[in-house]
């Protein structure tokens, strides 16, 4: 799973088409344990991750990810100022959007 998440995050960065050597502030929607965020960091980007699962965010903290993680439900919006981020990725999170608890 880690390998697949890493590959998907790399592909998401390719799609964003950020010029090499340009550090950007990116949002990782549904960041989970921070696997995709780590990829963003490896490419020199700063990132903020949000996730509804406190358990996954605890794993991210235990892994000492480089980005900032926030407990948030993507189904209720984000509350960030418009234009704050240079881009966003979401790896394996959208399938949970319509999942009721």
N, C-alpha and C. Protein backbone atom coordinates (compact mmCIF):
# COMPACT_ATOMS: atom_id res chain seq x y z
N UNK A 1 0.82 -1.18 0.00
CA UNK A 1 0.00 0.00 0.00
C UNK A 1 0.87 1.26 0.00
N UNK A 2 1.94 1.26 0.77
CA UNK A 2 2.82 2.43 0.83
C UNK A 2 3.42 2.73 -0.54
N UNK A 3 3.82 1.68 -1.24
CA UNK A 3 4.41 1.85 -2.57
C UNK A 3 3.39 2.47 -3.53
N UNK A 4 2.17 1.97 -3.51
CA UNK A 4 1.13 2.48 -4.40
C UNK A 4 0.79 3.93 -4.05
N UNK A 5 0.64 4.24 -2.76
CA UNK A 5 0.35 5.61 -2.34
C UNK A 5 1.47 6.56 -2.78
N UNK A 6 2.69 6.12 -2.67
CA UNK A 6 3.84 6.93 -3.08
C UNK A 6 3.81 7.18 -4.58
N UNK A 7 3.55 6.14 -5.35
CA UNK A 7 3.48 6.29 -6.81
C UNK A 7 2.35 7.23 -7.21
N UNK A 8 1.20 7.11 -6.57
CA UNK A 8 0.08 7.99 -6.88
C UNK A 8 0.38 9.45 -6.53
N UNK A 9 1.06 9.66 -5.42
CA UNK A 9 1.43 11.03 -5.04
C UNK A 9 2.42 11.62 -6.04
N UNK A 10 3.37 10.83 -6.49
CA UNK A 10 4.31 11.31 -7.51
C UNK A 10 3.57 11.68 -8.80
N UNK A 11 2.60 10.86 -9.18
CA UNK A 11 1.82 11.13 -10.38
C UNK A 11 0.98 12.40 -10.21
N UNK A 12 0.43 12.59 -9.02
CA UNK A 12 -0.34 13.81 -8.75
C UNK A 12 0.54 15.05 -8.91
N UNK A 13 1.78 14.96 -8.45
CA UNK A 13 2.71 16.08 -8.63
C UNK A 13 3.00 16.33 -10.10
N UNK A 14 3.14 15.28 -10.88
CA UNK A 14 3.34 15.43 -12.32
C UNK A 14 2.17 16.18 -12.95
N UNK A 15 0.97 15.82 -12.55
CA UNK A 15 -0.24 16.46 -13.10
C UNK A 15 -0.29 17.94 -12.72
N UNK A 16 0.17 18.28 -11.52
CA UNK A 16 0.20 19.69 -11.11
C UNK A 16 1.19 20.50 -11.95
N UNK A 17 2.16 19.84 -12.54
CA UNK A 17 3.13 20.48 -13.45
C UNK A 17 3.84 21.67 -12.81
N UNK A 18 4.29 21.48 -11.59
CA UNK A 18 5.05 22.53 -10.91
C UNK A 18 6.47 22.52 -11.47
N UNK A 19 6.97 23.67 -11.90
CA UNK A 19 8.33 23.71 -12.44
C UNK A 19 9.36 23.21 -11.42
N UNK A 20 10.33 22.45 -11.88
CA UNK A 20 11.37 21.93 -10.99
C UNK A 20 12.09 23.09 -10.30
N UNK A 21 12.40 22.86 -9.04
CA UNK A 21 13.10 23.88 -8.27
C UNK A 21 12.20 24.94 -7.66
N UNK A 22 10.91 24.86 -7.89
CA UNK A 22 9.95 25.81 -7.33
C UNK A 22 9.24 25.17 -6.15
N UNK A 23 9.49 25.67 -4.97
CA UNK A 23 8.83 25.15 -3.78
C UNK A 23 7.45 25.80 -3.65
N UNK A 24 6.43 24.98 -3.44
CA UNK A 24 5.06 25.46 -3.34
C UNK A 24 4.43 25.00 -2.04
N UNK A 25 3.34 25.66 -1.66
CA UNK A 25 2.55 25.24 -0.50
C UNK A 25 1.36 24.45 -1.04
N UNK A 26 1.28 23.18 -0.66
CA UNK A 26 0.26 22.28 -1.19
C UNK A 26 -0.63 21.75 -0.08
N UNK A 27 -1.88 21.47 -0.43
CA UNK A 27 -2.85 20.88 0.49
C UNK A 27 -3.01 19.41 0.14
N UNK A 28 -2.88 18.56 1.14
CA UNK A 28 -3.10 17.12 0.97
C UNK A 28 -4.45 16.78 1.61
N UNK A 29 -5.46 16.62 0.79
CA UNK A 29 -6.82 16.37 1.26
C UNK A 29 -6.98 14.89 1.57
N UNK A 30 -7.27 14.58 2.82
CA UNK A 30 -7.36 13.18 3.24
C UNK A 30 -5.96 12.60 3.40
N UNK A 31 -5.12 13.31 4.12
CA UNK A 31 -3.69 12.97 4.21
C UNK A 31 -3.40 11.67 4.94
N UNK A 32 -4.34 11.19 5.74
CA UNK A 32 -4.13 9.93 6.45
C UNK A 32 -2.87 9.94 7.29
N UNK A 33 -2.01 8.96 7.08
CA UNK A 33 -0.79 8.83 7.87
C UNK A 33 0.38 9.66 7.33
N UNK A 34 0.13 10.43 6.26
CA UNK A 34 1.15 11.33 5.75
C UNK A 34 2.05 10.76 4.67
N UNK A 35 1.69 9.62 4.10
CA UNK A 35 2.52 9.00 3.07
C UNK A 35 2.67 9.92 1.87
N UNK A 36 1.56 10.42 1.35
CA UNK A 36 1.64 11.30 0.18
C UNK A 36 2.28 12.64 0.54
N UNK A 37 2.05 13.12 1.73
CA UNK A 37 2.70 14.36 2.17
C UNK A 37 4.20 14.23 2.21
N UNK A 38 4.68 13.06 2.62
CA UNK A 38 6.12 12.83 2.61
C UNK A 38 6.70 12.97 1.21
N UNK A 39 5.96 12.50 0.22
CA UNK A 39 6.41 12.64 -1.17
C UNK A 39 6.50 14.13 -1.52
N UNK A 40 5.50 14.90 -1.13
CA UNK A 40 5.52 16.34 -1.40
C UNK A 40 6.78 16.96 -0.79
N UNK A 41 7.08 16.58 0.44
CA UNK A 41 8.28 17.08 1.11
C UNK A 41 9.56 16.67 0.43
N UNK A 42 9.61 15.44 -0.07
CA UNK A 42 10.80 14.96 -0.77
C UNK A 42 11.07 15.78 -2.02
N UNK A 43 10.03 16.33 -2.61
CA UNK A 43 10.18 17.15 -3.81
C UNK A 43 10.36 18.63 -3.46
N UNK A 44 10.54 18.93 -2.18
CA UNK A 44 10.85 20.29 -1.76
C UNK A 44 9.66 21.18 -1.49
N UNK A 45 8.46 20.62 -1.40
CA UNK A 45 7.27 21.42 -1.17
C UNK A 45 6.89 21.41 0.31
N UNK A 46 6.28 22.49 0.74
CA UNK A 46 5.68 22.56 2.07
C UNK A 46 4.25 22.08 1.90
N UNK A 47 3.71 21.46 2.94
CA UNK A 47 2.35 20.95 2.80
C UNK A 47 1.59 20.97 4.12
N UNK A 48 0.28 21.05 3.95
CA UNK A 48 -0.66 20.93 5.06
C UNK A 48 -1.59 19.79 4.69
N UNK A 49 -1.80 18.88 5.62
CA UNK A 49 -2.70 17.76 5.38
C UNK A 49 -3.90 17.83 6.29
N UNK A 50 -5.04 17.42 5.76
CA UNK A 50 -6.24 17.35 6.59
C UNK A 50 -6.86 15.97 6.44
N UNK A 51 -7.44 15.48 7.53
CA UNK A 51 -8.07 14.17 7.53
C UNK A 51 -9.12 14.12 8.63
N UNK A 52 -10.16 13.34 8.40
CA UNK A 52 -11.22 13.19 9.40
C UNK A 52 -10.85 12.18 10.49
N UNK A 53 -9.91 11.29 10.18
CA UNK A 53 -9.55 10.22 11.11
C UNK A 53 -8.46 10.66 12.09
N UNK A 54 -8.84 10.79 13.35
CA UNK A 54 -7.84 11.15 14.35
C UNK A 54 -6.80 10.04 14.51
N UNK A 55 -7.22 8.79 14.31
CA UNK A 55 -6.27 7.67 14.41
C UNK A 55 -5.19 7.78 13.34
N UNK A 56 -5.58 8.14 12.11
CA UNK A 56 -4.60 8.29 11.04
C UNK A 56 -3.68 9.48 11.30
N UNK A 57 -4.24 10.56 11.83
CA UNK A 57 -3.43 11.73 12.15
C UNK A 57 -2.43 11.42 13.26
N UNK A 58 -2.83 10.56 14.21
CA UNK A 58 -1.90 10.13 15.25
C UNK A 58 -0.74 9.35 14.65
N UNK A 59 -1.04 8.50 13.66
CA UNK A 59 0.02 7.76 12.98
C UNK A 59 0.97 8.74 12.29
N UNK A 60 0.41 9.75 11.64
CA UNK A 60 1.24 10.77 10.98
C UNK A 60 2.15 11.45 12.00
N UNK A 61 1.62 11.77 13.17
CA UNK A 61 2.42 12.40 14.21
C UNK A 61 3.52 11.47 14.72
N UNK A 62 3.18 10.20 14.88
CA UNK A 62 4.17 9.21 15.32
C UNK A 62 5.29 9.05 14.28
N UNK A 63 4.92 9.18 13.01
CA UNK A 63 5.90 9.07 11.93
C UNK A 63 6.71 10.36 11.78
N UNK A 64 6.33 11.39 12.54
CA UNK A 64 6.99 12.70 12.51
C UNK A 64 7.08 13.26 11.10
N UNK A 65 5.92 13.33 10.44
CA UNK A 65 5.87 13.90 9.09
C UNK A 65 6.29 15.36 9.12
N UNK A 66 6.78 15.84 8.00
CA UNK A 66 7.28 17.21 7.90
C UNK A 66 6.18 18.26 7.80
N UNK A 67 5.03 17.88 7.28
CA UNK A 67 3.95 18.85 7.11
C UNK A 67 3.11 19.02 8.36
N UNK A 68 2.22 19.97 8.30
CA UNK A 68 1.26 20.18 9.38
C UNK A 68 0.00 19.41 9.06
N UNK A 69 -0.56 18.73 10.06
CA UNK A 69 -1.78 17.97 9.85
C UNK A 69 -2.90 18.53 10.72
N UNK A 70 -4.10 18.53 10.14
CA UNK A 70 -5.27 19.14 10.78
C UNK A 70 -6.43 18.15 10.76
N UNK A 71 -7.13 18.07 11.87
CA UNK A 71 -8.33 17.24 11.93
C UNK A 71 -9.47 18.02 11.27
N UNK A 72 -9.98 17.49 10.16
CA UNK A 72 -10.98 18.20 9.38
C UNK A 72 -11.78 17.23 8.52
N UNK A 73 -13.05 17.52 8.32
CA UNK A 73 -13.91 16.71 7.46
C UNK A 73 -14.04 17.42 6.11
N UNK A 74 -13.47 16.82 5.06
CA UNK A 74 -13.48 17.46 3.74
C UNK A 74 -14.90 17.67 3.22
N UNK A 75 -15.85 16.92 3.74
CA UNK A 75 -17.24 17.08 3.33
C UNK A 75 -17.88 18.36 3.84
N UNK A 76 -17.24 19.01 4.80
CA UNK A 76 -17.77 20.25 5.37
C UNK A 76 -16.98 21.47 4.94
N UNK A 77 -16.14 21.33 3.93
CA UNK A 77 -15.32 22.45 3.48
C UNK A 77 -14.01 22.51 4.24
N UNK A 78 -13.20 23.50 3.91
CA UNK A 78 -11.86 23.54 4.49
C UNK A 78 -11.60 24.73 5.39
N UNK A 79 -12.24 25.86 5.14
CA UNK A 79 -12.04 27.02 6.00
C UNK A 79 -10.74 27.77 5.74
N UNK A 80 -10.04 27.45 4.66
CA UNK A 80 -8.82 28.17 4.32
C UNK A 80 -9.17 29.35 3.42
N UNK A 81 -8.38 30.40 3.52
CA UNK A 81 -8.56 31.58 2.68
C UNK A 81 -8.34 31.19 1.22
N UNK A 82 -9.15 31.70 0.33
CA UNK A 82 -9.02 31.43 -1.10
C UNK A 82 -7.64 31.83 -1.60
N UNK A 83 -7.01 30.97 -2.38
CA UNK A 83 -5.70 31.24 -2.94
C UNK A 83 -4.54 30.96 -2.00
N UNK A 84 -4.82 30.43 -0.82
CA UNK A 84 -3.76 30.17 0.15
C UNK A 84 -2.78 29.12 -0.35
N UNK A 85 -3.29 28.10 -1.04
CA UNK A 85 -2.45 27.01 -1.50
C UNK A 85 -2.15 27.15 -2.99
N UNK A 86 -0.99 26.68 -3.37
CA UNK A 86 -0.59 26.69 -4.77
C UNK A 86 -1.16 25.50 -5.53
N UNK A 87 -1.61 24.50 -4.82
CA UNK A 87 -2.19 23.31 -5.43
C UNK A 87 -2.67 22.36 -4.35
N UNK A 88 -3.32 21.30 -4.78
CA UNK A 88 -3.84 20.31 -3.84
C UNK A 88 -3.79 18.93 -4.47
N UNK A 89 -3.59 17.93 -3.62
CA UNK A 89 -3.68 16.54 -4.05
C UNK A 89 -4.62 15.81 -3.10
N UNK A 90 -5.14 14.70 -3.58
CA UNK A 90 -5.97 13.84 -2.74
C UNK A 90 -5.78 12.42 -3.25
N UNK A 91 -5.10 11.63 -2.46
CA UNK A 91 -4.79 10.26 -2.85
C UNK A 91 -5.64 9.31 -2.01
N UNK A 92 -6.50 8.56 -2.67
CA UNK A 92 -7.33 7.55 -2.01
C UNK A 92 -8.21 8.10 -0.89
N UNK A 93 -8.77 9.29 -1.11
CA UNK A 93 -9.62 9.86 -0.07
C UNK A 93 -11.05 10.11 -0.54
N UNK A 94 -11.23 10.38 -1.80
CA UNK A 94 -12.57 10.79 -2.27
C UNK A 94 -13.62 9.70 -2.09
N UNK A 95 -13.19 8.43 -2.09
CA UNK A 95 -14.17 7.35 -1.91
C UNK A 95 -14.83 7.41 -0.54
N UNK A 96 -14.24 8.14 0.39
CA UNK A 96 -14.82 8.23 1.75
C UNK A 96 -15.78 9.40 1.89
N UNK A 97 -15.86 10.27 0.89
CA UNK A 97 -16.65 11.50 1.00
C UNK A 97 -18.12 11.22 1.29
N UNK A 98 -18.69 10.20 0.69
CA UNK A 98 -20.12 9.92 0.87
C UNK A 98 -20.37 8.82 1.90
N UNK A 99 -19.36 8.46 2.66
CA UNK A 99 -19.48 7.41 3.65
C UNK A 99 -20.03 8.00 4.95
N UNK A 100 -21.17 7.50 5.38
CA UNK A 100 -21.79 8.00 6.61
C UNK A 100 -21.24 7.25 7.81
N UNK A 101 -21.11 7.96 8.92
CA UNK A 101 -20.64 7.32 10.16
C UNK A 101 -21.83 6.99 11.04
